[in-house]
Protein backbone atom coordinates (compact mmCIF):
# COMPACT_ATOMS: atom_id res chain seq x y z
CA MET A 1 -17.98 57.76 -24.37
CA THR A 2 -16.15 56.69 -21.45
CA ASP A 3 -14.61 53.29 -20.84
CA HIS A 4 -15.94 51.43 -17.85
CA VAL A 5 -13.48 50.61 -15.42
CA PRO A 6 -14.76 47.84 -12.94
CA SER A 7 -14.18 48.52 -9.31
CA ARG A 8 -11.92 46.42 -7.24
CA ARG A 9 -14.68 46.32 -4.64
CA ARG A 10 -16.48 43.08 -4.21
CA PRO A 11 -20.27 42.79 -4.23
CA GLY A 12 -21.62 43.37 -0.67
CA LEU A 13 -23.31 40.09 -0.31
CA LEU A 14 -21.03 38.98 2.44
CA PRO A 15 -18.73 40.80 4.73
CA PRO A 16 -15.44 41.41 3.17
CA ARG A 17 -13.55 38.68 5.40
CA PHE A 18 -16.12 36.17 5.89
CA LEU A 19 -14.79 33.47 3.57
CA SER A 20 -11.24 33.96 5.03
CA ALA A 21 -12.47 33.71 8.58
CA SER A 22 -10.94 30.82 10.27
CA PRO A 23 -14.06 28.68 10.97
CA ILE A 24 -15.01 29.06 7.35
CA ARG A 25 -11.66 28.10 6.12
CA THR A 26 -11.32 25.18 8.44
CA PHE A 27 -14.83 24.03 7.46
CA ALA A 28 -14.01 24.47 3.74
CA LEU A 29 -10.68 22.55 4.24
CA LEU A 30 -12.79 19.81 5.90
CA ALA A 31 -15.24 19.61 3.31
CA LEU A 32 -12.37 19.26 0.51
CA CYS A 33 -10.89 16.50 2.55
CA ALA A 34 -14.08 14.69 3.63
CA ALA A 35 -13.80 11.71 1.01
CA TYR A 36 -10.01 11.14 2.10
CA ILE A 37 -11.25 11.23 5.85
CA GLN A 38 -14.46 9.11 5.46
CA GLY A 39 -12.80 6.63 3.09
CA PRO A 40 -9.95 5.48 5.62
CA ILE A 41 -12.17 5.09 8.54
CA THR A 42 -14.48 2.96 6.35
CA LYS A 43 -11.53 0.87 5.31
CA ILE A 44 -10.60 0.73 8.94
CA VAL A 45 -14.05 -0.42 10.21
CA ASP A 46 -14.15 -3.06 7.36
CA PHE A 47 -10.40 -4.10 6.79
CA ASP A 48 -11.52 -7.09 5.18
CA GLY A 49 -13.50 -5.03 2.55
CA ALA A 50 -10.59 -2.69 2.23
CA ARG A 51 -8.29 -5.65 1.39
CA ALA A 52 -10.92 -6.83 -1.02
CA GLU A 53 -11.16 -3.50 -2.65
CA MET A 54 -7.34 -3.52 -3.33
CA THR A 55 -7.52 -6.99 -4.75
CA HIS A 56 -10.41 -6.01 -7.09
CA PHE A 57 -8.30 -3.24 -8.47
CA GLY A 58 -5.25 -5.74 -8.90
CA LEU A 59 -3.07 -3.93 -6.01
CA GLN A 60 -1.13 -6.60 -4.31
CA PRO A 61 -0.29 -7.36 -1.75
CA ALA A 62 -3.56 -6.07 -0.60
CA THR A 63 -2.87 -5.65 2.97
CA PHE A 64 0.24 -3.34 2.24
CA PHE A 65 -1.76 -1.20 -0.15
CA ALA A 66 -4.99 -1.06 2.24
CA VAL A 67 -2.69 0.23 5.00
CA SER A 68 -0.78 2.65 2.96
CA VAL A 69 -3.95 4.20 1.49
CA ILE A 70 -5.33 4.50 5.20
CA VAL A 71 -2.27 6.15 6.46
CA PHE A 72 -1.69 8.30 3.35
CA GLU A 73 -5.09 9.69 3.14
CA LEU A 74 -5.60 10.32 6.87
CA THR A 75 -1.95 11.97 7.16
CA ALA A 76 -2.40 14.13 3.97
CA SER A 77 -5.95 15.04 5.29
CA ALA A 78 -4.56 16.10 8.50
CA MET A 79 -1.86 18.09 7.03
CA VAL A 80 -4.31 19.97 4.80
CA VAL A 81 -6.69 20.80 7.60
CA SER A 82 -4.20 21.58 10.27
CA GLY A 83 -2.22 23.82 8.25
CA TYR A 84 1.04 21.80 8.79
CA LEU A 85 2.87 21.76 5.62
CA ARG A 86 -0.40 22.13 4.00
CA TRP A 87 1.32 22.54 0.47
CA ALA A 88 2.61 19.37 0.79
CA GLY A 89 -0.47 17.41 1.95
CA ALA A 90 -2.38 19.27 -0.85
CA LEU A 91 0.17 18.36 -3.46
CA ALA A 92 0.20 14.72 -2.35
CA LEU A 93 -3.55 14.52 -2.76
CA ALA A 94 -3.63 16.41 -5.95
CA GLY A 95 -1.13 13.75 -7.34
CA PHE A 96 -3.12 10.57 -5.64
CA THR A 97 -6.57 11.53 -6.72
CA PRO A 98 -6.12 11.28 -10.52
CA LEU A 99 -3.84 8.12 -9.99
CA ALA A 100 -6.60 6.36 -7.73
CA THR A 101 -9.27 7.84 -10.23
CA PHE A 102 -7.72 6.30 -13.45
CA ILE A 103 -7.45 3.03 -11.42
CA ALA A 104 -10.85 2.79 -9.84
CA VAL A 105 -13.30 4.70 -12.19
CA ARG A 106 -12.67 3.54 -15.68
CA PHE A 107 -15.84 4.96 -17.24
CA TRP A 108 -14.43 4.40 -20.73
CA GLU A 109 -14.34 0.77 -20.51
CA MET A 110 -18.12 0.64 -19.62
CA ALA A 111 -21.08 0.05 -21.84
CA PRO A 112 -23.14 3.14 -22.40
CA GLY A 113 -25.86 3.85 -20.19
CA MET A 114 -26.64 5.18 -16.50
CA GLU A 115 -23.56 3.35 -14.74
CA ARG A 116 -21.28 4.93 -17.33
CA MET A 117 -22.75 8.33 -17.16
CA MET A 118 -22.49 8.05 -13.27
CA ALA A 119 -18.84 6.80 -13.43
CA THR A 120 -18.10 9.58 -15.96
CA ASN A 121 -19.15 12.12 -13.55
CA SER A 122 -17.41 10.64 -10.66
CA PHE A 123 -14.24 10.68 -12.71
CA PHE A 124 -14.49 14.30 -13.65
CA GLU A 125 -15.58 15.33 -10.03
CA HIS A 126 -12.26 13.65 -8.90
CA ILE A 127 -10.37 15.64 -11.42
CA GLY A 128 -12.03 18.69 -10.11
CA LEU A 129 -10.89 17.84 -6.47
CA ALA A 130 -7.23 17.32 -7.88
CA GLY A 131 -7.44 20.91 -9.18
CA ALA A 132 -8.73 22.12 -5.89
CA PHE A 133 -5.81 20.79 -4.04
CA LEU A 134 -3.61 22.39 -6.58
CA LEU A 135 -5.32 25.65 -5.47
CA VAL A 136 -4.67 24.99 -1.93
CA ALA A 137 -1.25 24.18 -2.41
CA ALA A 138 -0.65 27.16 -4.47
CA MET A 139 -2.38 29.58 -2.19
CA ASP A 140 -0.33 28.13 0.74
CA LEU A 141 3.03 28.47 -0.97
CA ASP A 142 2.04 32.00 -2.30
CA ARG A 143 1.11 33.25 1.28
CA ASP A 144 4.51 31.61 2.60
CA ALA A 145 6.32 33.52 -0.08
CA ARG A 146 5.12 37.04 1.06
CA PRO A 147 7.33 39.07 3.16
């Protein structure tokens, strides 16, 4: 009996370079950063709501935190999407995401039921986003390390 040695060739469903093509990569990075682009835009449009959100989560002074979050999320997203110090923007969002999630999505304090289940899902989706940003940073650093 012979051992089966898997081929390094990938299945032929997509052309080999399809996922690494620039427009696909840009779309993927925009999709990954979508919440970090939409959120600040919403905060800018409704700045009073942004300040109320900061107050709700106990972040004072609310105006300082609202402006800081807006600038931070837009800047880090621009870094990730543009490629300028992509690894740094991705690491920043990878750190920010769990921190903000622990502040805003405290599912363990909620009564059992639909709201708690939805909050639990949201919490772990955000942890997944943090992991994706870590992968983006690692891939960017790995690419820069190659000769």
